Amino acid sequence: MIIAREKRKSNIVEYILYMWNVEDILRSVKLNMAEVERLIVSQYDVDEKVKTEIKQWYSNIVDEMKDNRLQEKGHIEDIVELISELNMLHQSLLHLYIDNQYTALFDKAENNIKALSEKSKVKNITPIEAGLNGLYGIMLLRMKKKNISTETNESIKTISDLMALLSIRYREMKSGNLHLNFERKN
């Protein structure tokens, strides 16, 4: 909860990846709140009031995952909506606004994102979700201390750079500070 709150404010892409990891951790304990309390909540060195808030935060996620049958796959509604918002922003930055920096980063990452999309088991996956999937996969490999090829690292770097700028643009948009020119089509 504490990390999630900070990541949501500072970097929406990191927040999504963090929440995907939370979902996977909760799945690994079969959405059992007693296990969540024992393995996760008890590890926080905070006062009882904050610990109760953390427990409630996890409990809410567990309840939503159970209610929406997300025991094996899928994401909670908040995350689905955020990915949708990021995809709309992505499309706007490419086709509605003049954002040369974003367009240049997308041009570098596009083939790598397409390759991820082709490997995905999800039909009609958006470029943003494919990119997020790639970043999450690399994050998991790094957490497991697996070797990652130079080629894969170079490929994921292009996606990471794109997602970093998308996260900045998202924060600017949410704060009312996204100042780009509309592209006029004749």
N, C-alpha and C. Protein backbone atom coordinates (compact mmCIF):
# COMPACT_ATOMS: atom_id res chain seq x y z
N MET A 1 0.82 -1.18 0.00
CA MET A 1 0.00 0.00 0.00
C MET A 1 0.87 1.25 0.00
N ILE A 2 1.86 1.28 0.84
CA ILE A 2 2.73 2.45 0.97
C ILE A 2 3.50 2.66 -0.34
N ILE A 3 4.10 1.59 -0.83
CA ILE A 3 4.86 1.67 -2.09
C ILE A 3 3.93 1.97 -3.24
N ALA A 4 2.79 1.30 -3.28
CA ALA A 4 1.82 1.51 -4.36
C ALA A 4 1.36 2.96 -4.41
N ARG A 5 1.06 3.52 -3.27
CA ARG A 5 0.59 4.92 -3.21
C ARG A 5 1.63 5.86 -3.80
N GLU A 6 2.89 5.66 -3.43
CA GLU A 6 3.97 6.52 -3.93
C GLU A 6 4.20 6.32 -5.43
N LYS A 7 4.20 5.07 -5.87
CA LYS A 7 4.42 4.79 -7.30
C LYS A 7 3.28 5.35 -8.15
N ARG A 8 2.05 5.28 -7.64
CA ARG A 8 0.92 5.80 -8.41
C ARG A 8 1.07 7.30 -8.66
N LYS A 9 1.60 8.00 -7.68
CA LYS A 9 1.82 9.44 -7.83
C LYS A 9 3.00 9.76 -8.74
N SER A 10 4.07 8.98 -8.61
CA SER A 10 5.32 9.35 -9.27
C SER A 10 5.53 8.72 -10.65
N ASN A 11 5.08 7.47 -10.84
CA ASN A 11 5.35 6.79 -12.11
C ASN A 11 4.28 5.73 -12.35
N ILE A 12 3.31 6.04 -13.19
CA ILE A 12 2.15 5.17 -13.39
C ILE A 12 2.54 3.81 -13.98
N VAL A 13 3.55 3.77 -14.80
CA VAL A 13 3.99 2.49 -15.37
C VAL A 13 4.58 1.61 -14.27
N GLU A 14 5.42 2.17 -13.42
CA GLU A 14 5.96 1.40 -12.30
C GLU A 14 4.83 0.94 -11.37
N TYR A 15 3.83 1.78 -11.19
CA TYR A 15 2.68 1.41 -10.36
C TYR A 15 1.97 0.18 -10.94
N ILE A 16 1.72 0.19 -12.23
CA ILE A 16 1.04 -0.94 -12.88
C ILE A 16 1.87 -2.21 -12.72
N LEU A 17 3.16 -2.13 -12.97
CA LEU A 17 4.03 -3.30 -12.83
C LEU A 17 4.05 -3.79 -11.38
N TYR A 18 4.09 -2.86 -10.45
CA TYR A 18 4.06 -3.21 -9.03
C TYR A 18 2.75 -3.94 -8.69
N MET A 19 1.64 -3.40 -9.19
CA MET A 19 0.34 -4.02 -8.89
C MET A 19 0.21 -5.38 -9.56
N TRP A 20 0.75 -5.55 -10.74
CA TRP A 20 0.75 -6.88 -11.37
C TRP A 20 1.50 -7.87 -10.48
N ASN A 21 2.61 -7.40 -9.89
CA ASN A 21 3.38 -8.26 -9.00
C ASN A 21 2.59 -8.58 -7.73
N VAL A 22 1.88 -7.59 -7.19
CA VAL A 22 1.03 -7.83 -6.03
C VAL A 22 -0.03 -8.88 -6.36
N GLU A 23 -0.66 -8.74 -7.52
CA GLU A 23 -1.67 -9.73 -7.93
C GLU A 23 -1.05 -11.13 -8.00
N ASP A 24 0.14 -11.24 -8.57
CA ASP A 24 0.80 -12.55 -8.68
C ASP A 24 1.16 -13.10 -7.30
N ILE A 25 1.61 -12.25 -6.41
CA ILE A 25 1.93 -12.70 -5.05
C ILE A 25 0.66 -13.20 -4.36
N LEU A 26 -0.43 -12.46 -4.50
CA LEU A 26 -1.69 -12.88 -3.89
C LEU A 26 -2.17 -14.20 -4.48
N ARG A 27 -1.98 -14.37 -5.78
CA ARG A 27 -2.34 -15.65 -6.41
C ARG A 27 -1.48 -16.79 -5.85
N SER A 28 -0.22 -16.49 -5.59
CA SER A 28 0.69 -17.53 -5.11
C SER A 28 0.28 -18.07 -3.74
N VAL A 29 -0.45 -17.27 -2.96
CA VAL A 29 -0.96 -17.73 -1.67
C VAL A 29 -2.45 -18.04 -1.76
N LYS A 30 -2.93 -18.24 -2.98
CA LYS A 30 -4.33 -18.65 -3.25
C LYS A 30 -5.35 -17.67 -2.68
N LEU A 31 -4.99 -16.38 -2.68
CA LEU A 31 -5.86 -15.30 -2.20
C LEU A 31 -6.31 -15.55 -0.75
N ASN A 32 -5.43 -16.16 0.03
CA ASN A 32 -5.71 -16.49 1.42
C ASN A 32 -5.22 -15.36 2.32
N MET A 33 -6.15 -14.63 2.93
CA MET A 33 -5.78 -13.47 3.73
C MET A 33 -4.95 -13.84 4.96
N ALA A 34 -5.15 -15.02 5.53
CA ALA A 34 -4.33 -15.43 6.67
C ALA A 34 -2.86 -15.52 6.24
N GLU A 35 -2.63 -16.05 5.04
CA GLU A 35 -1.27 -16.14 4.51
C GLU A 35 -0.73 -14.75 4.17
N VAL A 36 -1.57 -13.89 3.64
CA VAL A 36 -1.15 -12.52 3.33
C VAL A 36 -0.72 -11.82 4.61
N GLU A 37 -1.48 -11.98 5.66
CA GLU A 37 -1.12 -11.36 6.94
C GLU A 37 0.19 -11.93 7.46
N ARG A 38 0.33 -13.24 7.39
CA ARG A 38 1.51 -13.90 7.94
C ARG A 38 2.78 -13.56 7.14
N LEU A 39 2.67 -13.60 5.82
CA LEU A 39 3.86 -13.45 4.97
C LEU A 39 4.17 -12.01 4.56
N ILE A 40 3.14 -11.18 4.50
CA ILE A 40 3.36 -9.82 3.98
C ILE A 40 3.12 -8.76 5.05
N VAL A 41 1.91 -8.69 5.54
CA VAL A 41 1.54 -7.61 6.46
C VAL A 41 2.41 -7.62 7.71
N SER A 42 2.69 -8.79 8.24
CA SER A 42 3.48 -8.89 9.47
C SER A 42 4.91 -8.38 9.30
N GLN A 43 5.39 -8.31 8.06
CA GLN A 43 6.76 -7.88 7.79
C GLN A 43 6.95 -6.36 7.86
N TYR A 44 5.86 -5.61 7.83
CA TYR A 44 5.96 -4.15 7.89
C TYR A 44 6.28 -3.70 9.30
N ASP A 45 7.26 -2.85 9.42
CA ASP A 45 7.65 -2.29 10.71
C ASP A 45 6.99 -0.92 10.86
N VAL A 46 5.69 -0.96 11.12
CA VAL A 46 4.90 0.26 11.25
C VAL A 46 3.97 0.11 12.45
N ASP A 47 3.36 1.22 12.87
CA ASP A 47 2.44 1.13 14.01
C ASP A 47 1.17 0.37 13.61
N GLU A 48 0.40 -0.02 14.60
CA GLU A 48 -0.78 -0.87 14.37
C GLU A 48 -1.82 -0.21 13.47
N LYS A 49 -1.97 1.10 13.56
CA LYS A 49 -2.95 1.79 12.71
C LYS A 49 -2.58 1.62 11.24
N VAL A 50 -1.32 1.83 10.91
CA VAL A 50 -0.86 1.69 9.53
C VAL A 50 -0.93 0.23 9.10
N LYS A 51 -0.56 -0.67 10.01
CA LYS A 51 -0.62 -2.10 9.69
C LYS A 51 -2.06 -2.51 9.38
N THR A 52 -3.02 -1.96 10.10
CA THR A 52 -4.44 -2.24 9.84
C THR A 52 -4.84 -1.71 8.46
N GLU A 53 -4.35 -0.53 8.09
CA GLU A 53 -4.62 0.02 6.75
C GLU A 53 -4.02 -0.87 5.66
N ILE A 54 -2.81 -1.34 5.89
CA ILE A 54 -2.15 -2.22 4.92
C ILE A 54 -2.95 -3.51 4.76
N LYS A 55 -3.36 -4.09 5.89
CA LYS A 55 -4.15 -5.33 5.85
C LYS A 55 -5.45 -5.09 5.08
N GLN A 56 -6.10 -3.97 5.32
CA GLN A 56 -7.35 -3.67 4.63
C GLN A 56 -7.12 -3.48 3.13
N TRP A 57 -6.02 -2.84 2.77
CA TRP A 57 -5.68 -2.64 1.37
C TRP A 57 -5.53 -3.98 0.66
N TYR A 58 -4.77 -4.88 1.25
CA TYR A 58 -4.61 -6.21 0.67
C TYR A 58 -5.94 -6.96 0.64
N SER A 59 -6.71 -6.84 1.69
CA SER A 59 -8.00 -7.52 1.76
C SER A 59 -8.93 -7.04 0.65
N ASN A 60 -8.93 -5.75 0.38
CA ASN A 60 -9.76 -5.21 -0.70
C ASN A 60 -9.36 -5.78 -2.05
N ILE A 61 -8.07 -5.90 -2.27
CA ILE A 61 -7.58 -6.46 -3.54
C ILE A 61 -7.97 -7.94 -3.63
N VAL A 62 -7.77 -8.67 -2.56
CA VAL A 62 -8.14 -10.09 -2.54
C VAL A 62 -9.63 -10.24 -2.83
N ASP A 63 -10.46 -9.43 -2.18
CA ASP A 63 -11.91 -9.51 -2.40
C ASP A 63 -12.26 -9.23 -3.85
N GLU A 64 -11.65 -8.19 -4.43
CA GLU A 64 -11.93 -7.86 -5.82
C GLU A 64 -11.48 -8.98 -6.76
N MET A 65 -10.33 -9.55 -6.47
CA MET A 65 -9.85 -10.64 -7.31
C MET A 65 -10.77 -11.85 -7.22
N LYS A 66 -11.26 -12.14 -6.04
CA LYS A 66 -12.20 -13.25 -5.87
C LYS A 66 -13.52 -12.94 -6.58
N ASP A 67 -14.04 -11.74 -6.36
CA ASP A 67 -15.32 -11.35 -6.95
C ASP A 67 -15.30 -11.39 -8.48
N ASN A 68 -14.15 -11.05 -9.06
CA ASN A 68 -14.03 -10.99 -10.51
C ASN A 68 -13.34 -12.21 -11.12
N ARG A 69 -13.21 -13.24 -10.33
CA ARG A 69 -12.63 -14.52 -10.78
C ARG A 69 -11.24 -14.33 -11.40
N LEU A 70 -10.41 -13.65 -10.65
CA LEU A 70 -9.05 -13.37 -11.12
C LEU A 70 -8.03 -14.25 -10.40
N GLN A 71 -8.46 -15.43 -9.95
CA GLN A 71 -7.58 -16.32 -9.20
C GLN A 71 -6.39 -16.79 -10.03
N GLU A 72 -6.57 -16.92 -11.33
CA GLU A 72 -5.49 -17.45 -12.16
C GLU A 72 -4.89 -16.43 -13.12
N LYS A 73 -5.68 -15.49 -13.59
CA LYS A 73 -5.17 -14.50 -14.53
C LYS A 73 -6.09 -13.29 -14.54
N GLY A 74 -5.62 -12.25 -15.19
CA GLY A 74 -6.39 -11.02 -15.29
C GLY A 74 -5.95 -10.00 -14.26
N HIS A 75 -6.55 -8.82 -14.36
CA HIS A 75 -6.13 -7.71 -13.49
C HIS A 75 -7.34 -7.02 -12.89
N ILE A 76 -7.12 -6.42 -11.73
CA ILE A 76 -8.19 -5.68 -11.07
C ILE A 76 -8.60 -4.48 -11.93
N GLU A 77 -9.82 -4.04 -11.73
CA GLU A 77 -10.43 -3.01 -12.60
C GLU A 77 -9.60 -1.72 -12.65
N ASP A 78 -9.08 -1.28 -11.54
CA ASP A 78 -8.28 -0.05 -11.51
C ASP A 78 -7.11 -0.14 -12.48
N ILE A 79 -6.46 -1.28 -12.53
CA ILE A 79 -5.30 -1.45 -13.40
C ILE A 79 -5.75 -1.52 -14.86
N VAL A 80 -6.86 -2.20 -15.13
CA VAL A 80 -7.39 -2.28 -16.49
C VAL A 80 -7.72 -0.87 -17.00
N GLU A 81 -8.34 -0.06 -16.15
CA GLU A 81 -8.68 1.31 -16.54
C GLU A 81 -7.43 2.15 -16.79
N LEU A 82 -6.42 2.00 -15.94
CA LEU A 82 -5.18 2.76 -16.14
C LEU A 82 -4.50 2.38 -17.45
N ILE A 83 -4.48 1.10 -17.78
CA ILE A 83 -3.88 0.67 -19.05
C ILE A 83 -4.67 1.25 -20.22
N SER A 84 -5.98 1.29 -20.09
CA SER A 84 -6.82 1.88 -21.12
C SER A 84 -6.51 3.38 -21.28
N GLU A 85 -6.37 4.07 -20.16
CA GLU A 85 -6.01 5.50 -20.21
C GLU A 85 -4.65 5.70 -20.87
N LEU A 86 -3.69 4.86 -20.51
CA LEU A 86 -2.35 4.97 -21.11
C LEU A 86 -2.41 4.71 -22.60
N ASN A 87 -3.22 3.75 -23.01
CA ASN A 87 -3.34 3.46 -24.44
C ASN A 87 -3.97 4.65 -25.18
N MET A 88 -4.99 5.26 -24.59
CA MET A 88 -5.61 6.45 -25.22
C MET A 88 -4.61 7.59 -25.31
N LEU A 89 -3.83 7.79 -24.24
CA LEU A 89 -2.81 8.84 -24.27
C LEU A 89 -1.77 8.52 -25.33
N HIS A 90 -1.35 7.28 -25.40
CA HIS A 90 -0.38 6.84 -26.41
C HIS A 90 -0.88 7.18 -27.82
N GLN A 91 -2.12 6.81 -28.10
CA GLN A 91 -2.70 7.09 -29.42
C GLN A 91 -2.77 8.60 -29.68
N SER A 92 -3.13 9.36 -28.66
CA SER A 92 -3.21 10.82 -28.80
C SER A 92 -1.84 11.42 -29.07
N LEU A 93 -0.82 10.94 -28.37
CA LEU A 93 0.53 11.47 -28.56
C LEU A 93 1.07 11.16 -29.95
N LEU A 94 0.62 10.06 -30.53
CA LEU A 94 1.07 9.69 -31.87
C LEU A 94 0.25 10.34 -32.98
N HIS A 95 -1.05 10.51 -32.76
CA HIS A 95 -1.93 10.89 -33.87
C HIS A 95 -2.67 12.22 -33.70
N LEU A 96 -2.74 12.74 -32.50
CA LEU A 96 -3.51 13.95 -32.28
C LEU A 96 -2.63 15.15 -31.96
N TYR A 97 -1.61 14.92 -31.17
CA TYR A 97 -0.71 16.00 -30.76
C TYR A 97 0.60 15.91 -31.53
N ILE A 98 1.31 16.99 -31.49
CA ILE A 98 2.66 16.99 -32.04
C ILE A 98 3.60 16.76 -30.86
N ASP A 99 4.05 15.55 -30.72
CA ASP A 99 5.02 15.20 -29.66
C ASP A 99 6.14 14.44 -30.34
N ASN A 100 7.06 15.19 -30.88
CA ASN A 100 8.15 14.59 -31.65
C ASN A 100 9.02 13.67 -30.81
N GLN A 101 9.21 14.01 -29.55
CA GLN A 101 10.03 13.17 -28.68
C GLN A 101 9.37 11.80 -28.48
N TYR A 102 8.07 11.81 -28.23
CA TYR A 102 7.35 10.55 -28.03
C TYR A 102 7.33 9.73 -29.31
N THR A 103 7.05 10.39 -30.42
CA THR A 103 7.01 9.70 -31.71
C THR A 103 8.36 9.05 -32.04
N ALA A 104 9.45 9.76 -31.76
CA ALA A 104 10.78 9.21 -32.03
C ALA A 104 11.05 7.97 -31.17
N LEU A 105 10.65 8.02 -29.91
CA LEU A 105 10.84 6.86 -29.04
C LEU A 105 9.96 5.69 -29.48
N PHE A 106 8.74 5.99 -29.92
CA PHE A 106 7.88 4.92 -30.40
C PHE A 106 8.45 4.29 -31.66
N ASP A 107 8.99 5.11 -32.55
CA ASP A 107 9.59 4.58 -33.78
C ASP A 107 10.72 3.59 -33.44
N LYS A 108 11.52 3.90 -32.41
CA LYS A 108 12.62 3.01 -32.00
C LYS A 108 12.08 1.72 -31.38
N ALA A 109 10.97 1.81 -30.65
CA ALA A 109 10.43 0.66 -29.91
C ALA A 109 9.42 -0.15 -30.70
N GLU A 110 8.89 0.40 -31.77
CA GLU A 110 7.75 -0.21 -32.46
C GLU A 110 7.98 -1.67 -32.86
N ASN A 111 9.09 -1.98 -33.49
CA ASN A 111 9.34 -3.36 -33.92
C ASN A 111 9.46 -4.31 -32.72
N ASN A 112 10.05 -3.82 -31.64
CA ASN A 112 10.17 -4.64 -30.44
C ASN A 112 8.81 -4.89 -29.81
N ILE A 113 7.95 -3.89 -29.83
CA ILE A 113 6.60 -4.04 -29.29
C ILE A 113 5.80 -5.01 -30.18
N LYS A 114 5.95 -4.87 -31.49
CA LYS A 114 5.26 -5.80 -32.41
C LYS A 114 5.70 -7.24 -32.16
N ALA A 115 6.98 -7.43 -31.92
CA ALA A 115 7.49 -8.79 -31.64
C ALA A 115 6.85 -9.34 -30.37
N LEU A 116 6.72 -8.50 -29.35
CA LEU A 116 6.05 -8.94 -28.12
C LEU A 116 4.58 -9.25 -28.37
N SER A 117 3.94 -8.42 -29.17
CA SER A 117 2.52 -8.64 -29.49
C SER A 117 2.32 -9.97 -30.19
N GLU A 118 3.21 -10.29 -31.11
CA GLU A 118 3.10 -11.55 -31.85
C GLU A 118 3.30 -12.76 -30.93
N LYS A 119 4.12 -12.60 -29.89
CA LYS A 119 4.37 -13.70 -28.95
C LYS A 119 3.25 -13.83 -27.91
N SER A 120 2.44 -12.78 -27.80
CA SER A 120 1.39 -12.76 -26.78
C SER A 120 0.28 -13.75 -27.09
N LYS A 121 -0.29 -14.29 -26.03
CA LYS A 121 -1.43 -15.19 -26.18
C LYS A 121 -2.74 -14.40 -26.23
N VAL A 122 -2.65 -13.09 -26.04
CA VAL A 122 -3.82 -12.22 -26.02
C VAL A 122 -4.08 -11.71 -27.44
N LYS A 123 -5.31 -11.88 -27.90
CA LYS A 123 -5.67 -11.36 -29.22
C LYS A 123 -5.89 -9.86 -29.11
N ASN A 124 -5.54 -9.14 -30.16
CA ASN A 124 -5.75 -7.69 -30.23
C ASN A 124 -5.13 -6.94 -29.05
N ILE A 125 -3.96 -7.34 -28.64
CA ILE A 125 -3.27 -6.67 -27.55
C ILE A 125 -2.81 -5.29 -28.02
N THR A 126 -2.97 -4.29 -27.18
CA THR A 126 -2.53 -2.95 -27.55
C THR A 126 -1.01 -2.85 -27.42
N PRO A 127 -0.42 -1.90 -28.12
CA PRO A 127 1.03 -1.72 -27.98
C PRO A 127 1.45 -1.44 -26.54
N ILE A 128 0.62 -0.71 -25.82
CA ILE A 128 0.96 -0.37 -24.43
C ILE A 128 0.95 -1.61 -23.56
N GLU A 129 -0.08 -2.44 -23.71
CA GLU A 129 -0.14 -3.65 -22.90
C GLU A 129 0.99 -4.61 -23.28
N ALA A 130 1.30 -4.71 -24.55
CA ALA A 130 2.42 -5.55 -24.97
C ALA A 130 3.73 -5.06 -24.36
N GLY A 131 3.93 -3.75 -24.38
CA GLY A 131 5.13 -3.18 -23.78
C GLY A 131 5.19 -3.43 -22.28
N LEU A 132 4.06 -3.25 -21.61
CA LEU A 132 4.01 -3.52 -20.17
C LEU A 132 4.30 -4.99 -19.88
N ASN A 133 3.74 -5.89 -20.70
CA ASN A 133 4.01 -7.31 -20.52
C ASN A 133 5.51 -7.60 -20.65
N GLY A 134 6.15 -6.98 -21.62
CA GLY A 134 7.58 -7.16 -21.81
C GLY A 134 8.38 -6.67 -20.61
N LEU A 135 8.03 -5.49 -20.13
CA LEU A 135 8.72 -4.94 -18.96
C LEU A 135 8.51 -5.82 -17.73
N TYR A 136 7.29 -6.33 -17.57
CA TYR A 136 6.99 -7.18 -16.42
C TYR A 136 7.77 -8.49 -16.52
N GLY A 137 7.82 -9.05 -17.69
CA GLY A 137 8.58 -10.29 -17.88
C GLY A 137 10.05 -10.12 -17.53
N ILE A 138 10.63 -9.02 -17.97
CA ILE A 138 12.04 -8.74 -17.66
C ILE A 138 12.22 -8.52 -16.16
N MET A 139 11.26 -7.81 -15.55
CA MET A 139 11.32 -7.58 -14.11
C MET A 139 11.34 -8.92 -13.36
N LEU A 140 10.49 -9.85 -13.77
CA LEU A 140 10.44 -11.16 -13.12
C LEU A 140 11.75 -11.92 -13.32
N LEU A 141 12.29 -11.87 -14.53
CA LEU A 141 13.57 -12.53 -14.80
C LEU A 141 14.68 -11.96 -13.92
N ARG A 142 14.70 -10.65 -13.77
CA ARG A 142 15.72 -10.01 -12.93
C ARG A 142 15.54 -10.38 -11.46
N MET A 143 14.28 -10.45 -11.02
CA MET A 143 14.02 -10.84 -9.63
C MET A 143 14.51 -12.26 -9.36
N LYS A 144 14.42 -13.10 -10.37
CA LYS A 144 14.88 -14.50 -10.25
C LYS A 144 16.37 -14.63 -10.56
N LYS A 145 17.01 -13.49 -10.83
CA LYS A 145 18.44 -13.44 -11.15
C LYS A 145 18.80 -14.30 -12.37
N LYS A 146 17.92 -14.28 -13.36
CA LYS A 146 18.15 -15.02 -14.61
C LYS A 146 18.99 -14.17 -15.55
N ASN A 147 19.76 -14.83 -16.39
CA ASN A 147 20.55 -14.13 -17.40
C ASN A 147 19.62 -13.62 -18.50
N ILE A 148 19.88 -12.41 -18.92
CA ILE A 148 19.11 -11.79 -20.00
C ILE A 148 20.10 -11.41 -21.08
N SER A 149 19.82 -11.82 -22.30
CA SER A 149 20.76 -11.57 -23.40
C SER A 149 20.90 -10.08 -23.67
N THR A 150 22.02 -9.73 -24.24
CA THR A 150 22.28 -8.34 -24.63
C THR A 150 21.20 -7.86 -25.60
N GLU A 151 20.84 -8.72 -26.54
CA GLU A 151 19.82 -8.36 -27.53
C GLU A 151 18.47 -8.06 -26.85
N THR A 152 18.10 -8.89 -25.89
CA THR A 152 16.84 -8.66 -25.16
C THR A 152 16.93 -7.39 -24.35
N ASN A 153 18.06 -7.16 -23.68
CA ASN A 153 18.22 -5.92 -22.91
C ASN A 153 18.12 -4.69 -23.80
N GLU A 154 18.72 -4.75 -24.98
CA GLU A 154 18.65 -3.62 -25.90
C GLU A 154 17.23 -3.40 -26.39
N SER A 155 16.54 -4.48 -26.66
CA SER A 155 15.16 -4.41 -27.11
C SER A 155 14.26 -3.81 -26.03
N ILE A 156 14.42 -4.30 -24.81
CA ILE A 156 13.55 -3.84 -23.72
C ILE A 156 13.88 -2.40 -23.34
N LYS A 157 15.11 -1.97 -23.58
CA LYS A 157 15.50 -0.57 -23.29
C LYS A 157 14.68 0.39 -24.13
N THR A 158 14.43 0.04 -25.39
CA THR A 158 13.64 0.93 -26.25
C THR A 158 12.22 1.05 -25.71
N ILE A 159 11.69 -0.05 -25.22
CA ILE A 159 10.33 -0.05 -24.66
C ILE A 159 10.31 0.69 -23.33
N SER A 160 11.32 0.47 -22.52
CA SER A 160 11.43 1.14 -21.23
C SER A 160 11.51 2.66 -21.41
N ASP A 161 12.30 3.12 -22.38
CA ASP A 161 12.41 4.56 -22.65
C ASP A 161 11.06 5.14 -23.07
N LEU A 162 10.35 4.41 -23.92
CA LEU A 162 9.02 4.86 -24.36
C LEU A 162 8.06 4.94 -23.18
N MET A 163 8.05 3.90 -22.37
CA MET A 163 7.13 3.85 -21.22
C MET A 163 7.47 4.93 -20.18
N ALA A 164 8.75 5.22 -20.04
CA ALA A 164 9.15 6.27 -19.10
C ALA A 164 8.58 7.62 -19.55
N LEU A 165 8.67 7.92 -20.84
CA LEU A 165 8.12 9.19 -21.33
C LEU A 165 6.60 9.16 -21.27
N LEU A 166 5.98 8.04 -21.56
CA LEU A 166 4.53 7.94 -21.46
C LEU A 166 4.09 8.21 -20.02
N SER A 167 4.83 7.70 -19.07
CA SER A 167 4.52 7.93 -17.66
C SER A 167 4.63 9.41 -17.30
N ILE A 168 5.64 10.06 -17.83
CA ILE A 168 5.79 11.52 -17.61
C ILE A 168 4.61 12.26 -18.23
N ARG A 169 4.27 11.93 -19.46
CA ARG A 169 3.14 12.59 -20.13
C ARG A 169 1.84 12.33 -19.38
N TYR A 170 1.68 11.14 -18.83
CA TYR A 170 0.48 10.82 -18.04
C TYR A 170 0.40 11.72 -16.80
N ARG A 171 1.51 11.83 -16.10
CA ARG A 171 1.55 12.69 -14.90
C ARG A 171 1.26 14.14 -15.28
N GLU A 172 1.84 14.60 -16.41
CA GLU A 172 1.56 15.97 -16.88
C GLU A 172 0.08 16.13 -17.22
N MET A 173 -0.50 15.14 -17.87
CA MET A 173 -1.91 15.19 -18.24
C MET A 173 -2.78 15.26 -16.99
N LYS A 174 -2.50 14.42 -16.01
CA LYS A 174 -3.32 14.36 -14.79
C LYS A 174 -3.20 15.64 -13.97
N SER A 175 -2.06 16.31 -14.05
CA SER A 175 -1.88 17.54 -13.30
C SER A 175 -2.30 18.78 -14.08
N GLY A 176 -2.75 18.58 -15.33
CA GLY A 176 -3.16 19.71 -16.16
C GLY A 176 -2.00 20.45 -16.80
N ASN A 177 -0.83 19.83 -16.82
CA ASN A 177 0.37 20.47 -17.36
C ASN A 177 0.88 19.86 -18.65
N LEU A 178 0.01 19.15 -19.37
CA LEU A 178 0.40 18.59 -20.66
C LEU A 178 0.10 19.64 -21.72
N HIS A 179 1.15 20.28 -22.21
CA HIS A 179 1.00 21.36 -23.16
C HIS A 179 1.63 20.98 -24.49
N LEU A 180 0.82 20.39 -25.34
CA LEU A 180 1.27 20.01 -26.67
C LEU A 180 0.37 20.65 -27.70
N ASN A 181 0.88 20.81 -28.89
CA ASN A 181 0.10 21.38 -29.97
C ASN A 181 -0.68 20.30 -30.67
N PHE A 182 -1.89 20.65 -31.10
CA PHE A 182 -2.67 19.72 -31.91
C PHE A 182 -2.05 19.67 -33.30
N GLU A 183 -2.07 18.48 -33.88
CA GLU A 183 -1.61 18.32 -35.24
C GLU A 183 -2.80 18.57 -36.15
N ARG A 184 -2.63 19.45 -37.09
CA ARG A 184 -3.73 19.74 -38.01
C ARG A 184 -3.63 18.87 -39.23
N LYS A 185 -4.68 18.15 -39.51
CA LYS A 185 -4.73 17.29 -40.71
C LYS A 185 -5.56 17.99 -41.76
N ASN A 186 -5.06 18.02 -42.97
CA ASN A 186 -5.81 18.66 -44.06
C ASN A 186 -6.66 17.66 -44.79
